[in-house]
Amino acid sequence: MLKQVIILLSFSLISIFSYGSYIIIPMGEDNQSNHLKAYGIAYWVLQNDIEVDWLLNYDGGS
């Protein structure tokens, strides 16, 4: 029982201190109806002097 608690606490602490370095916002017809949201997020990030990588056709689009 103690081993399970220690493992659970370890994973909890690791997840608290881990941050994602990238976020992918799908803009296909199935995922989003308002494409301006993705542009707004990119604009906000650029205004805060953070680099933005814009992927075109990463999901096999035309």
N, C-alpha and C. Protein backbone atom coordinates (compact mmCIF):
# COMPACT_ATOMS: atom_id res chain seq x y z
N MET A 1 0.82 -1.20 0.00
CA MET A 1 0.00 0.00 0.00
C MET A 1 0.87 1.26 0.00
N LEU A 2 1.90 1.25 0.81
CA LEU A 2 2.79 2.41 0.90
C LEU A 2 3.50 2.65 -0.43
N LYS A 3 3.88 1.56 -1.10
CA LYS A 3 4.54 1.69 -2.40
C LYS A 3 3.61 2.36 -3.42
N GLN A 4 2.34 2.01 -3.41
CA GLN A 4 1.37 2.61 -4.33
C GLN A 4 1.18 4.09 -4.04
N VAL A 5 1.16 4.46 -2.78
CA VAL A 5 1.00 5.87 -2.40
C VAL A 5 2.22 6.67 -2.85
N ILE A 6 3.41 6.11 -2.66
CA ILE A 6 4.63 6.81 -3.08
C ILE A 6 4.65 6.98 -4.60
N ILE A 7 4.27 5.97 -5.33
CA ILE A 7 4.23 6.07 -6.80
C ILE A 7 3.21 7.12 -7.23
N LEU A 8 2.05 7.12 -6.61
CA LEU A 8 1.01 8.10 -6.94
C LEU A 8 1.48 9.52 -6.64
N LEU A 9 2.10 9.73 -5.51
CA LEU A 9 2.62 11.06 -5.17
C LEU A 9 3.74 11.48 -6.12
N SER A 10 4.58 10.54 -6.52
CA SER A 10 5.67 10.86 -7.46
C SER A 10 5.11 11.33 -8.79
N PHE A 11 4.13 10.61 -9.33
CA PHE A 11 3.53 11.02 -10.59
C PHE A 11 2.79 12.35 -10.47
N SER A 12 2.18 12.57 -9.32
CA SER A 12 1.48 13.84 -9.11
C SER A 12 2.46 15.01 -9.10
N LEU A 13 3.57 14.86 -8.44
CA LEU A 13 4.57 15.93 -8.39
C LEU A 13 5.21 16.16 -9.75
N ILE A 14 5.46 15.09 -10.48
CA ILE A 14 6.04 15.23 -11.82
C ILE A 14 5.08 15.98 -12.73
N SER A 15 3.81 15.66 -12.66
CA SER A 15 2.84 16.32 -13.55
C SER A 15 2.63 17.79 -13.18
N ILE A 16 2.81 18.14 -11.92
CA ILE A 16 2.66 19.53 -11.50
C ILE A 16 3.77 20.39 -12.10
N PHE A 17 4.98 19.85 -12.15
CA PHE A 17 6.14 20.62 -12.60
C PHE A 17 6.46 20.45 -14.08
N SER A 18 5.67 19.71 -14.81
CA SER A 18 5.94 19.55 -16.24
C SER A 18 5.04 20.49 -17.03
N TYR A 19 5.62 21.14 -18.01
CA TYR A 19 4.90 22.10 -18.83
C TYR A 19 5.04 21.70 -20.29
N GLY A 20 4.00 21.90 -21.07
CA GLY A 20 4.08 21.66 -22.50
C GLY A 20 4.79 22.81 -23.19
N SER A 21 5.60 22.48 -24.16
CA SER A 21 6.33 23.53 -24.85
C SER A 21 5.65 23.92 -26.15
N TYR A 22 4.72 23.13 -26.61
CA TYR A 22 3.99 23.43 -27.85
C TYR A 22 2.51 23.15 -27.65
N ILE A 23 1.70 23.86 -28.39
CA ILE A 23 0.27 23.59 -28.42
C ILE A 23 -0.16 23.59 -29.88
N ILE A 24 -0.91 22.58 -30.27
CA ILE A 24 -1.41 22.49 -31.64
C ILE A 24 -2.91 22.76 -31.60
N ILE A 25 -3.34 23.72 -32.39
CA ILE A 25 -4.76 24.07 -32.48
C ILE A 25 -5.26 23.61 -33.84
N PRO A 26 -5.99 22.49 -33.89
CA PRO A 26 -6.50 22.02 -35.18
C PRO A 26 -7.53 22.99 -35.74
N MET A 27 -7.44 23.26 -37.03
CA MET A 27 -8.34 24.22 -37.65
C MET A 27 -9.17 23.59 -38.76
N GLY A 28 -9.30 22.28 -38.76
CA GLY A 28 -10.10 21.60 -39.76
C GLY A 28 -11.58 21.81 -39.53
N GLU A 29 -12.38 21.43 -40.51
CA GLU A 29 -13.84 21.60 -40.41
C GLU A 29 -14.42 20.79 -39.26
N ASP A 30 -13.81 19.65 -38.96
CA ASP A 30 -14.33 18.79 -37.89
C ASP A 30 -14.00 19.31 -36.50
N ASN A 31 -12.99 20.15 -36.40
CA ASN A 31 -12.49 20.55 -35.08
C ASN A 31 -12.94 21.92 -34.63
N GLN A 32 -13.14 22.85 -35.56
CA GLN A 32 -13.37 24.23 -35.16
C GLN A 32 -14.25 24.93 -36.18
N SER A 33 -15.21 25.68 -35.70
CA SER A 33 -16.08 26.43 -36.61
C SER A 33 -15.67 27.89 -36.71
N ASN A 34 -14.91 28.38 -35.74
CA ASN A 34 -14.48 29.78 -35.73
C ASN A 34 -12.96 29.83 -35.81
N HIS A 35 -12.42 29.97 -37.02
CA HIS A 35 -10.97 29.93 -37.21
C HIS A 35 -10.27 31.17 -36.66
N LEU A 36 -11.01 32.21 -36.35
CA LEU A 36 -10.39 33.41 -35.82
C LEU A 36 -9.79 33.20 -34.44
N LYS A 37 -10.26 32.18 -33.71
CA LYS A 37 -9.71 31.91 -32.38
C LYS A 37 -8.23 31.56 -32.47
N ALA A 38 -7.85 30.72 -33.42
CA ALA A 38 -6.44 30.34 -33.56
C ALA A 38 -5.60 31.54 -33.94
N TYR A 39 -6.09 32.38 -34.82
CA TYR A 39 -5.35 33.59 -35.20
C TYR A 39 -5.23 34.54 -34.01
N GLY A 40 -6.27 34.63 -33.21
CA GLY A 40 -6.24 35.49 -32.03
C GLY A 40 -5.23 35.01 -31.00
N ILE A 41 -5.15 33.70 -30.82
CA ILE A 41 -4.16 33.16 -29.88
C ILE A 41 -2.76 33.43 -30.39
N ALA A 42 -2.52 33.23 -31.68
CA ALA A 42 -1.20 33.49 -32.26
C ALA A 42 -0.85 34.97 -32.13
N TYR A 43 -1.80 35.85 -32.37
CA TYR A 43 -1.57 37.29 -32.25
C TYR A 43 -1.21 37.66 -30.81
N TRP A 44 -1.95 37.10 -29.86
CA TRP A 44 -1.67 37.39 -28.45
C TRP A 44 -0.27 36.93 -28.06
N VAL A 45 0.12 35.74 -28.52
CA VAL A 45 1.45 35.22 -28.22
C VAL A 45 2.53 36.11 -28.82
N LEU A 46 2.34 36.55 -30.06
CA LEU A 46 3.32 37.44 -30.70
C LEU A 46 3.41 38.78 -29.98
N GLN A 47 2.29 39.29 -29.50
CA GLN A 47 2.30 40.55 -28.75
C GLN A 47 3.10 40.44 -27.46
N ASN A 48 3.18 39.23 -26.92
CA ASN A 48 3.94 38.99 -25.69
C ASN A 48 5.38 38.54 -25.98
N ASP A 49 5.85 38.82 -27.19
CA ASP A 49 7.24 38.53 -27.60
C ASP A 49 7.63 37.07 -27.43
N ILE A 50 6.72 36.18 -27.81
CA ILE A 50 6.99 34.74 -27.79
C ILE A 50 6.96 34.25 -29.23
N GLU A 51 7.89 33.38 -29.57
CA GLU A 51 7.98 32.86 -30.93
C GLU A 51 6.80 31.94 -31.24
N VAL A 52 6.26 32.05 -32.46
CA VAL A 52 5.15 31.21 -32.90
C VAL A 52 5.59 30.41 -34.10
N ASP A 53 5.33 29.11 -34.08
CA ASP A 53 5.55 28.26 -35.24
C ASP A 53 4.18 27.95 -35.84
N TRP A 54 3.99 28.31 -37.10
CA TRP A 54 2.70 28.13 -37.77
C TRP A 54 2.85 26.97 -38.74
N LEU A 55 2.15 25.88 -38.50
CA LEU A 55 2.24 24.70 -39.36
C LEU A 55 1.11 24.72 -40.37
N LEU A 56 1.47 24.67 -41.64
CA LEU A 56 0.47 24.62 -42.70
C LEU A 56 0.39 23.19 -43.23
N ASN A 57 -0.82 22.69 -43.32
CA ASN A 57 -1.08 21.36 -43.87
C ASN A 57 -0.33 20.26 -43.13
N TYR A 58 -0.23 20.37 -41.83
CA TYR A 58 0.47 19.34 -41.07
C TYR A 58 -0.33 18.05 -40.99
N ASP A 59 -1.63 18.13 -41.27
CA ASP A 59 -2.50 16.96 -41.17
C ASP A 59 -2.86 16.41 -42.54
N GLY A 60 -2.07 16.73 -43.56
CA GLY A 60 -2.32 16.20 -44.89
C GLY A 60 -3.37 16.96 -45.67
N GLY A 61 -3.54 18.25 -45.40
CA GLY A 61 -4.51 19.07 -46.12
C GLY A 61 -4.04 19.39 -47.53
N SER A 62 -4.86 20.13 -48.25
CA SER A 62 -4.51 20.44 -49.65
C SER A 62 -3.52 21.58 -49.73
